[in-house]
Amino acid sequence: MEQNTNSSVLVKWDKVNKADGYYIYSKDLTQDENSKYKKLATVEGGDNCSYEIADLSGASVYNIKVKAYKSFLKKRVCKR
């Protein structure tokens, strides 16, 4: 991750072979460590391997998760 400003970061990840896109999730660890991940965005295109997350609180600690998906019969499927 690269910090762009006090309130945004650029998340980068390695390309997943045959992925059609990615889901971006975050969790604010300073609010509640047991909270669930919140879906922030869908990045379409398997070659797009970065996403800027804006409007972050500078006083918080975030956990970011990226999941690849594959389109199958007009549905998006993630491997668990």
PDB file of N, CA and C in Angstrom:
ATOM      1  N   MET A   1       0.833  -1.170   0.000  1.00  0.00           N
ATOM      2  CA  MET A   1       0.000   0.000   0.000  1.00  0.00           C
ATOM      3  C   MET A   1       0.879   1.235   0.000  1.00  0.00           C
ATOM      4  N   GLU A   2       0.393   2.241  -0.672  1.00  0.00           N
ATOM      5  CA  GLU A   2       1.069   3.533  -0.689  1.00  0.00           C
ATOM      6  C   GLU A   2       0.103   4.580  -0.162  1.00  0.00           C
ATOM      7  N   GLN A   3       0.577   5.395   0.752  1.00  0.00           N
ATOM      8  CA  GLN A   3      -0.270   6.463   1.271  1.00  0.00           C
ATOM      9  C   GLN A   3      -0.205   7.631   0.303  1.00  0.00           C
ATOM     10  N   ASN A   4      -1.363   8.014  -0.245  1.00  0.00           N
ATOM     11  CA  ASN A   4      -1.421   9.146  -1.169  1.00  0.00           C
ATOM     12  C   ASN A   4      -1.576  10.464  -0.416  1.00  0.00           C
ATOM     13  N   THR A   5      -2.469  10.481   0.538  1.00  0.00           N
ATOM     14  CA  THR A   5      -2.699  11.657   1.382  1.00  0.00           C
ATOM     15  C   THR A   5      -2.956  11.147   2.795  1.00  0.00           C
ATOM     16  N   ASN A   6      -3.306  12.043   3.699  1.00  0.00           N
ATOM     17  CA  ASN A   6      -3.651  11.611   5.055  1.00  0.00           C
ATOM     18  C   ASN A   6      -4.935  10.802   5.092  1.00  0.00           C
ATOM     19  N   SER A   7      -5.756  10.909   4.055  1.00  0.00           N
ATOM     20  CA  SER A   7      -7.044  10.219   4.081  1.00  0.00           C
ATOM     21  C   SER A   7      -7.227   9.217   2.942  1.00  0.00           C
ATOM     22  N   SER A   8      -6.163   8.860   2.238  1.00  0.00           N
ATOM     23  CA  SER A   8      -6.311   7.868   1.170  1.00  0.00           C
ATOM     24  C   SER A   8      -5.050   7.018   1.027  1.00  0.00           C
ATOM     25  N   VAL A   9      -5.244   5.799   0.522  1.00  0.00           N
ATOM     26  CA  VAL A   9      -4.129   4.897   0.230  1.00  0.00           C
ATOM     27  C   VAL A   9      -4.388   4.231  -1.120  1.00  0.00           C
ATOM     28  N   LEU A  10      -3.306   3.866  -1.776  1.00  0.00           N
ATOM     29  CA  LEU A  10      -3.389   3.126  -3.025  1.00  0.00           C
ATOM     30  C   LEU A  10      -3.009   1.686  -2.714  1.00  0.00           C
ATOM     31  N   VAL A  11      -3.962   0.774  -2.912  1.00  0.00           N
ATOM     32  CA  VAL A  11      -3.753  -0.644  -2.649  1.00  0.00           C
ATOM     33  C   VAL A  11      -3.365  -1.312  -3.967  1.00  0.00           C
ATOM     34  N   LYS A  12      -2.285  -2.095  -3.941  1.00  0.00           N
ATOM     35  CA  LYS A  12      -1.832  -2.826  -5.124  1.00  0.00           C
ATOM     36  C   LYS A  12      -1.699  -4.298  -4.768  1.00  0.00           C
ATOM     37  N   TRP A  13      -1.970  -5.165  -5.741  1.00  0.00           N
ATOM     38  CA  TRP A  13      -1.851  -6.597  -5.521  1.00  0.00           C
ATOM     39  C   TRP A  13      -1.385  -7.274  -6.797  1.00  0.00           C
ATOM     40  N   ASP A  14      -0.941  -8.519  -6.646  1.00  0.00           N
ATOM     41  CA  ASP A  14      -0.500  -9.314  -7.793  1.00  0.00           C
ATOM     42  C   ASP A  14      -1.705  -9.827  -8.564  1.00  0.00           C
ATOM     43  N   LYS A  15      -1.564  -9.876  -9.868  1.00  0.00           N
ATOM     44  CA  LYS A  15      -2.621 -10.378 -10.745  1.00  0.00           C
ATOM     45  C   LYS A  15      -2.892 -11.851 -10.443  1.00  0.00           C
ATOM     46  N   VAL A  16      -4.171 -12.209 -10.409  1.00  0.00           N
ATOM     47  CA  VAL A  16      -4.578 -13.600 -10.235  1.00  0.00           C
ATOM     48  C   VAL A  16      -4.922 -14.149 -11.614  1.00  0.00           C
ATOM     49  N   ASN A  17      -4.284 -15.251 -11.980  1.00  0.00           N
ATOM     50  CA  ASN A  17      -4.478 -15.863 -13.286  1.00  0.00           C
ATOM     51  C   ASN A  17      -5.958 -16.198 -13.525  1.00  0.00           C
ATOM     52  N   LYS A  18      -6.488 -15.767 -14.641  1.00  0.00           N
ATOM     53  CA  LYS A  18      -7.864 -16.028 -15.097  1.00  0.00           C
ATOM     54  C   LYS A  18      -8.946 -15.305 -14.288  1.00  0.00           C
ATOM     55  N   ALA A  19      -8.573 -14.360 -13.429  1.00  0.00           N
ATOM     56  CA  ALA A  19      -9.579 -13.585 -12.693  1.00  0.00           C
ATOM     57  C   ALA A  19     -10.239 -12.586 -13.630  1.00  0.00           C
ATOM     58  N   ASP A  20     -11.523 -12.357 -13.412  1.00  0.00           N
ATOM     59  CA  ASP A  20     -12.258 -11.357 -14.186  1.00  0.00           C
ATOM     60  C   ASP A  20     -12.352 -10.022 -13.461  1.00  0.00           C
ATOM     61  N   GLY A  21     -11.969 -10.010 -12.201  1.00  0.00           N
ATOM     62  CA  GLY A  21     -11.993  -8.784 -11.418  1.00  0.00           C
ATOM     63  C   GLY A  21     -11.717  -9.088  -9.959  1.00  0.00           C
ATOM     64  N   TYR A  22     -11.884  -8.057  -9.134  1.00  0.00           N
ATOM     65  CA  TYR A  22     -11.535  -8.177  -7.722  1.00  0.00           C
ATOM     66  C   TYR A  22     -12.544  -7.420  -6.865  1.00  0.00           C
ATOM     67  N   TYR A  23     -12.786  -7.926  -5.671  1.00  0.00           N
ATOM     68  CA  TYR A  23     -13.579  -7.239  -4.662  1.00  0.00           C
ATOM     69  C   TYR A  23     -12.611  -6.686  -3.613  1.00  0.00           C
ATOM     70  N   ILE A  24     -12.857  -5.452  -3.194  1.00  0.00           N
ATOM     71  CA  ILE A  24     -12.028  -4.799  -2.179  1.00  0.00           C
ATOM     72  C   ILE A  24     -12.866  -4.659  -0.903  1.00  0.00           C
ATOM     73  N   TYR A  25     -12.299  -5.116   0.215  1.00  0.00           N
ATOM     74  CA  TYR A  25     -12.968  -5.051   1.511  1.00  0.00           C
ATOM     75  C   TYR A  25     -12.068  -4.337   2.513  1.00  0.00           C
ATOM     76  N   SER A  26     -12.678  -3.701   3.509  1.00  0.00           N
ATOM     77  CA  SER A  26     -11.888  -3.100   4.585  1.00  0.00           C
ATOM     78  C   SER A  26     -12.578  -3.301   5.919  1.00  0.00           C
ATOM     79  N   LYS A  27     -11.758  -3.215   6.963  1.00  0.00           N
ATOM     80  CA  LYS A  27     -12.261  -3.308   8.326  1.00  0.00           C
ATOM     81  C   LYS A  27     -11.463  -2.319   9.159  1.00  0.00           C
ATOM     82  N   ASP A  28     -12.160  -1.481   9.926  1.00  0.00           N
ATOM     83  CA  ASP A  28     -11.518  -0.504  10.811  1.00  0.00           C
ATOM     84  C   ASP A  28     -11.239  -1.185  12.143  1.00  0.00           C
ATOM     85  N   LEU A  29      -9.986  -1.496  12.399  1.00  0.00           N
ATOM     86  CA  LEU A  29      -9.613  -2.232  13.607  1.00  0.00           C
ATOM     87  C   LEU A  29      -9.685  -1.386  14.873  1.00  0.00           C
ATOM     88  N   THR A  30      -9.675  -0.074  14.738  1.00  0.00           N
ATOM     89  CA  THR A  30      -9.722   0.779  15.927  1.00  0.00           C
ATOM     90  C   THR A  30     -11.135   0.888  16.483  1.00  0.00           C
ATOM     91  N   GLN A  31     -12.149   0.571  15.696  1.00  0.00           N
ATOM     92  CA  GLN A  31     -13.527   0.643  16.185  1.00  0.00           C
ATOM     93  C   GLN A  31     -13.924  -0.636  16.913  1.00  0.00           C
ATOM     94  N   ASP A  32     -13.723  -1.774  16.252  1.00  0.00           N
ATOM     95  CA  ASP A  32     -14.112  -3.055  16.843  1.00  0.00           C
ATOM     96  C   ASP A  32     -13.366  -4.164  16.125  1.00  0.00           C
ATOM     97  N   GLU A  33     -12.476  -4.841  16.822  1.00  0.00           N
ATOM     98  CA  GLU A  33     -11.680  -5.897  16.193  1.00  0.00           C
ATOM     99  C   GLU A  33     -12.532  -7.058  15.708  1.00  0.00           C
ATOM    100  N   ASN A  34     -13.717  -7.229  16.257  1.00  0.00           N
ATOM    101  CA  ASN A  34     -14.596  -8.325  15.865  1.00  0.00           C
ATOM    102  C   ASN A  34     -15.578  -7.935  14.768  1.00  0.00           C
ATOM    103  N   SER A  35     -15.470  -6.719  14.262  1.00  0.00           N
ATOM    104  CA  SER A  35     -16.394  -6.290  13.212  1.00  0.00           C
ATOM    105  C   SER A  35     -16.109  -7.050  11.922  1.00  0.00           C
ATOM    106  N   LYS A  36     -17.065  -7.041  11.028  1.00  0.00           N
ATOM    107  CA  LYS A  36     -16.922  -7.744   9.761  1.00  0.00           C
ATOM    108  C   LYS A  36     -16.344  -6.809   8.710  1.00  0.00           C
ATOM    109  N   TYR A  37     -15.802  -7.408   7.669  1.00  0.00           N
ATOM    110  CA  TYR A  37     -15.294  -6.621   6.549  1.00  0.00           C
ATOM    111  C   TYR A  37     -16.452  -5.973   5.805  1.00  0.00           C
ATOM    112  N   LYS A  38     -16.217  -4.751   5.334  1.00  0.00           N
ATOM    113  CA  LYS A  38     -17.213  -4.017   4.553  1.00  0.00           C
ATOM    114  C   LYS A  38     -16.717  -3.953   3.111  1.00  0.00           C
ATOM    115  N   LYS A  39     -17.577  -4.315   2.175  1.00  0.00           N
ATOM    116  CA  LYS A  39     -17.196  -4.273   0.758  1.00  0.00           C
ATOM    117  C   LYS A  39     -17.134  -2.819   0.311  1.00  0.00           C
ATOM    118  N   LEU A  40     -15.962  -2.417  -0.197  1.00  0.00           N
ATOM    119  CA  LEU A  40     -15.762  -1.049  -0.648  1.00  0.00           C
ATOM    120  C   LEU A  40     -16.005  -0.882  -2.137  1.00  0.00           C
ATOM    121  N   ALA A  41     -15.546  -1.871  -2.923  1.00  0.00           N
ATOM    122  CA  ALA A  41     -15.597  -1.678  -4.378  1.00  0.00           C
ATOM    123  C   ALA A  41     -15.465  -2.997  -5.112  1.00  0.00           C
ATOM    124  N   THR A  42     -15.845  -2.945  -6.373  1.00  0.00           N
ATOM    125  CA  THR A  42     -15.603  -4.018  -7.327  1.00  0.00           C
ATOM    126  C   THR A  42     -14.712  -3.443  -8.408  1.00  0.00           C
ATOM    127  N   VAL A  43     -13.553  -4.058  -8.607  1.00  0.00           N
ATOM    128  CA  VAL A  43     -12.624  -3.636  -9.647  1.00  0.00           C
ATOM    129  C   VAL A  43     -12.780  -4.627 -10.794  1.00  0.00           C
ATOM    130  N   GLU A  44     -13.313  -4.166 -11.904  1.00  0.00           N
ATOM    131  CA  GLU A  44     -13.553  -5.058 -13.035  1.00  0.00           C
ATOM    132  C   GLU A  44     -12.324  -5.130 -13.923  1.00  0.00           C
ATOM    133  N   GLY A  45     -12.082  -6.311 -14.446  1.00  0.00           N
ATOM    134  CA  GLY A  45     -10.929  -6.537 -15.309  1.00  0.00           C
ATOM    135  C   GLY A  45      -9.798  -7.178 -14.527  1.00  0.00           C
ATOM    136  N   GLY A  46      -9.389  -8.343 -14.943  1.00  0.00           N
ATOM    137  CA  GLY A  46      -8.359  -9.084 -14.238  1.00  0.00           C
ATOM    138  C   GLY A  46      -6.989  -8.436 -14.275  1.00  0.00           C
ATOM    139  N   ASP A  47      -6.772  -7.496 -15.215  1.00  0.00           N
ATOM    140  CA  ASP A  47      -5.481  -6.824 -15.312  1.00  0.00           C
ATOM    141  C   ASP A  47      -5.397  -5.575 -14.438  1.00  0.00           C
ATOM    142  N   ASN A  48      -6.519  -5.114 -13.899  1.00  0.00           N
ATOM    143  CA  ASN A  48      -6.539  -3.934 -13.027  1.00  0.00           C
ATOM    144  C   ASN A  48      -6.181  -4.376 -11.615  1.00  0.00           C
ATOM    145  N   CYS A  49      -4.972  -4.075 -11.192  1.00  0.00           N
ATOM    146  CA  CYS A  49      -4.467  -4.587  -9.910  1.00  0.00           C
ATOM    147  C   CYS A  49      -4.124  -3.485  -8.926  1.00  0.00           C
ATOM    148  N   SER A  50      -4.930  -2.438  -8.914  1.00  0.00           N
ATOM    149  CA  SER A  50      -4.758  -1.390  -7.904  1.00  0.00           C
ATOM    150  C   SER A  50      -6.086  -0.670  -7.712  1.00  0.00           C
ATOM    151  N   TYR A  51      -6.232  -0.056  -6.533  1.00  0.00           N
ATOM    152  CA  TYR A  51      -7.445   0.681  -6.213  1.00  0.00           C
ATOM    153  C   TYR A  51      -7.112   1.707  -5.141  1.00  0.00           C
ATOM    154  N   GLU A  52      -7.589   2.923  -5.326  1.00  0.00           N
ATOM    155  CA  GLU A  52      -7.381   3.972  -4.327  1.00  0.00           C
ATOM    156  C   GLU A  52      -8.572   4.014  -3.381  1.00  0.00           C
ATOM    157  N   ILE A  53      -8.282   3.881  -2.098  1.00  0.00           N
ATOM    158  CA  ILE A  53      -9.309   3.981  -1.065  1.00  0.00           C
ATOM    159  C   ILE A  53      -9.203   5.375  -0.463  1.00  0.00           C
ATOM    160  N   ALA A  54     -10.282   6.133  -0.555  1.00  0.00           N
ATOM    161  CA  ALA A  54     -10.297   7.519  -0.077  1.00  0.00           C
ATOM    162  C   ALA A  54     -11.172   7.645   1.170  1.00  0.00           C
ATOM    163  N   ASP A  55     -11.174   8.812   1.761  1.00  0.00           N
ATOM    164  CA  ASP A  55     -11.997   9.151   2.929  1.00  0.00           C
ATOM    165  C   ASP A  55     -11.711   8.265   4.137  1.00  0.00           C
ATOM    166  N   LEU A  56     -10.447   7.958   4.359  1.00  0.00           N
ATOM    167  CA  LEU A  56     -10.054   7.184   5.527  1.00  0.00           C
ATOM    168  C   LEU A  56      -9.724   8.123   6.677  1.00  0.00           C
ATOM    169  N   SER A  57      -9.968   7.666   7.879  1.00  0.00           N
ATOM    170  CA  SER A  57      -9.620   8.445   9.063  1.00  0.00           C
ATOM    171  C   SER A  57      -8.141   8.242   9.355  1.00  0.00           C
ATOM    172  N   GLY A  58      -7.399   9.323   9.503  1.00  0.00           N
ATOM    173  CA  GLY A  58      -5.969   9.235   9.763  1.00  0.00           C
ATOM    174  C   GLY A  58      -5.636   8.624  11.115  1.00  0.00           C
ATOM    175  N   ALA A  59      -6.604   8.626  12.035  1.00  0.00           N
ATOM    176  CA  ALA A  59      -6.363   8.091  13.376  1.00  0.00           C
ATOM    177  C   ALA A  59      -6.738   6.613  13.482  1.00  0.00           C
ATOM    178  N   SER A  60      -7.171   6.001  12.412  1.00  0.00           N
ATOM    179  CA  SER A  60      -7.628   4.612  12.440  1.00  0.00           C
ATOM    180  C   SER A  60      -6.608   3.667  11.817  1.00  0.00           C
ATOM    181  N   VAL A  61      -6.749   2.397  12.168  1.00  0.00           N
ATOM    182  CA  VAL A  61      -5.945   1.328  11.587  1.00  0.00           C
ATOM    183  C   VAL A  61      -6.896   0.428  10.804  1.00  0.00           C
ATOM    184  N   TYR A  62      -6.571   0.184   9.540  1.00  0.00           N
ATOM    185  CA  TYR A  62      -7.459  -0.586   8.675  1.00  0.00           C
ATOM    186  C   TYR A  62      -6.807  -1.895   8.245  1.00  0.00           C
ATOM    187  N   ASN A  63      -7.629  -2.895   8.082  1.00  0.00           N
ATOM    188  CA  ASN A  63      -7.222  -4.150   7.486  1.00  0.00           C
ATOM    189  C   ASN A  63      -7.909  -4.211   6.119  1.00  0.00           C
ATOM    190  N   ILE A  64      -7.141  -4.434   5.066  1.00  0.00           N
ATOM    191  CA  ILE A  64      -7.675  -4.451   3.704  1.00  0.00           C
ATOM    192  C   ILE A  64      -7.574  -5.863   3.162  1.00  0.00           C
ATOM    193  N   LYS A  65      -8.630  -6.308   2.485  1.00  0.00           N
ATOM    194  CA  LYS A  65      -8.655  -7.636   1.884  1.00  0.00           C
ATOM    195  C   LYS A  65      -9.085  -7.501   0.427  1.00  0.00           C
ATOM    196  N   VAL A  66      -8.405  -8.228  -0.453  1.00  0.00           N
ATOM    197  CA  VAL A  66      -8.741  -8.241  -1.882  1.00  0.00           C
ATOM    198  C   VAL A  66      -9.068  -9.677  -2.263  1.00  0.00           C
ATOM    199  N   LYS A  67     -10.231  -9.886  -2.897  1.00  0.00           N
ATOM    200  CA  LYS A  67     -10.636 -11.219  -3.352  1.00  0.00           C
ATOM    201  C   LYS A  67     -10.827 -11.191  -4.857  1.00  0.00           C
ATOM    202  N   ALA A  68     -10.271 -12.171  -5.537  1.00  0.00           N
ATOM    203  CA  ALA A  68     -10.462 -12.295  -6.983  1.00  0.00           C
ATOM    204  C   ALA A  68     -11.794 -12.985  -7.249  1.00  0.00           C
ATOM    205  N   TYR A  69     -12.426 -12.632  -8.375  1.00  0.00           N
ATOM    206  CA  TYR A  69     -13.635 -13.349  -8.776  1.00  0.00           C
ATOM    207  C   TYR A  69     -13.530 -13.747 -10.239  1.00  0.00           C
ATOM    208  N   LYS A  70     -14.295 -14.758 -10.598  1.00  0.00           N
ATOM    209  CA  LYS A  70     -14.392 -15.263 -11.962  1.00  0.00           C
ATOM    210  C   LYS A  70     -15.863 -15.261 -12.335  1.00  0.00           C
ATOM    211  N   SER A  71     -16.191 -14.730 -13.500  1.00  0.00           N
ATOM    212  CA  SER A  71     -17.576 -14.742 -13.969  1.00  0.00           C
ATOM    213  C   SER A  71     -17.903 -16.130 -14.519  1.00  0.00           C
ATOM    214  N   PHE A  72     -19.059 -16.657 -14.106  1.00  0.00           N
ATOM    215  CA  PHE A  72     -19.478 -17.988 -14.527  1.00  0.00           C
ATOM    216  C   PHE A  72     -20.991 -17.988 -14.679  1.00  0.00           C
ATOM    217  N   LEU A  73     -21.477 -18.209 -15.887  1.00  0.00           N
ATOM    218  CA  LEU A  73     -22.917 -18.211 -16.170  1.00  0.00           C
ATOM    219  C   LEU A  73     -23.590 -16.938 -15.663  1.00  0.00           C
ATOM    220  N   LYS A  74     -22.982 -15.796 -15.982  1.00  0.00           N
ATOM    221  CA  LYS A  74     -23.482 -14.456 -15.633  1.00  0.00           C
ATOM    222  C   LYS A  74     -23.498 -14.189 -14.123  1.00  0.00           C
ATOM    223  N   LYS A  75     -22.762 -14.998 -13.349  1.00  0.00           N
ATOM    224  CA  LYS A  75     -22.615 -14.760 -11.909  1.00  0.00           C
ATOM    225  C   LYS A  75     -21.144 -14.619 -11.605  1.00  0.00           C
ATOM    226  N   ARG A  76     -20.847 -13.895 -10.550  1.00  0.00           N
ATOM    227  CA  ARG A  76     -19.466 -13.740 -10.092  1.00  0.00           C
ATOM    228  C   ARG A  76     -19.228 -14.712  -8.955  1.00  0.00           C
ATOM    229  N   VAL A  77     -18.182 -15.508  -9.076  1.00  0.00           N
ATOM    230  CA  VAL A  77     -17.895 -16.550  -8.095  1.00  0.00           C
ATOM    231  C   VAL A  77     -16.523 -16.315  -7.495  1.00  0.00           C
ATOM    232  N   CYS A  78     -16.450 -16.320  -6.153  1.00  0.00           N
ATOM    233  CA  CYS A  78     -15.169 -16.211  -5.450  1.00  0.00           C
ATOM    234  C   CYS A  78     -14.805 -17.569  -4.892  1.00  0.00           C
ATOM    235  N   LYS A  79     -13.546 -17.888  -4.963  1.00  0.00           N
ATOM    236  CA  LYS A  79     -13.061 -19.118  -4.341  1.00  0.00           C
ATOM    237  C   LYS A  79     -12.842 -18.849  -2.874  1.00  0.00           C
ATOM    238  N   ARG A  80     -13.324 -19.690  -2.010  1.00  0.00           N
ATOM    239  CA  ARG A  80     -13.171 -19.485  -0.564  1.00  0.00           C
ATOM    240  C   ARG A  80     -12.008 -20.230  -0.037  1.00  0.00           C
TER     241      ARG A  80
END
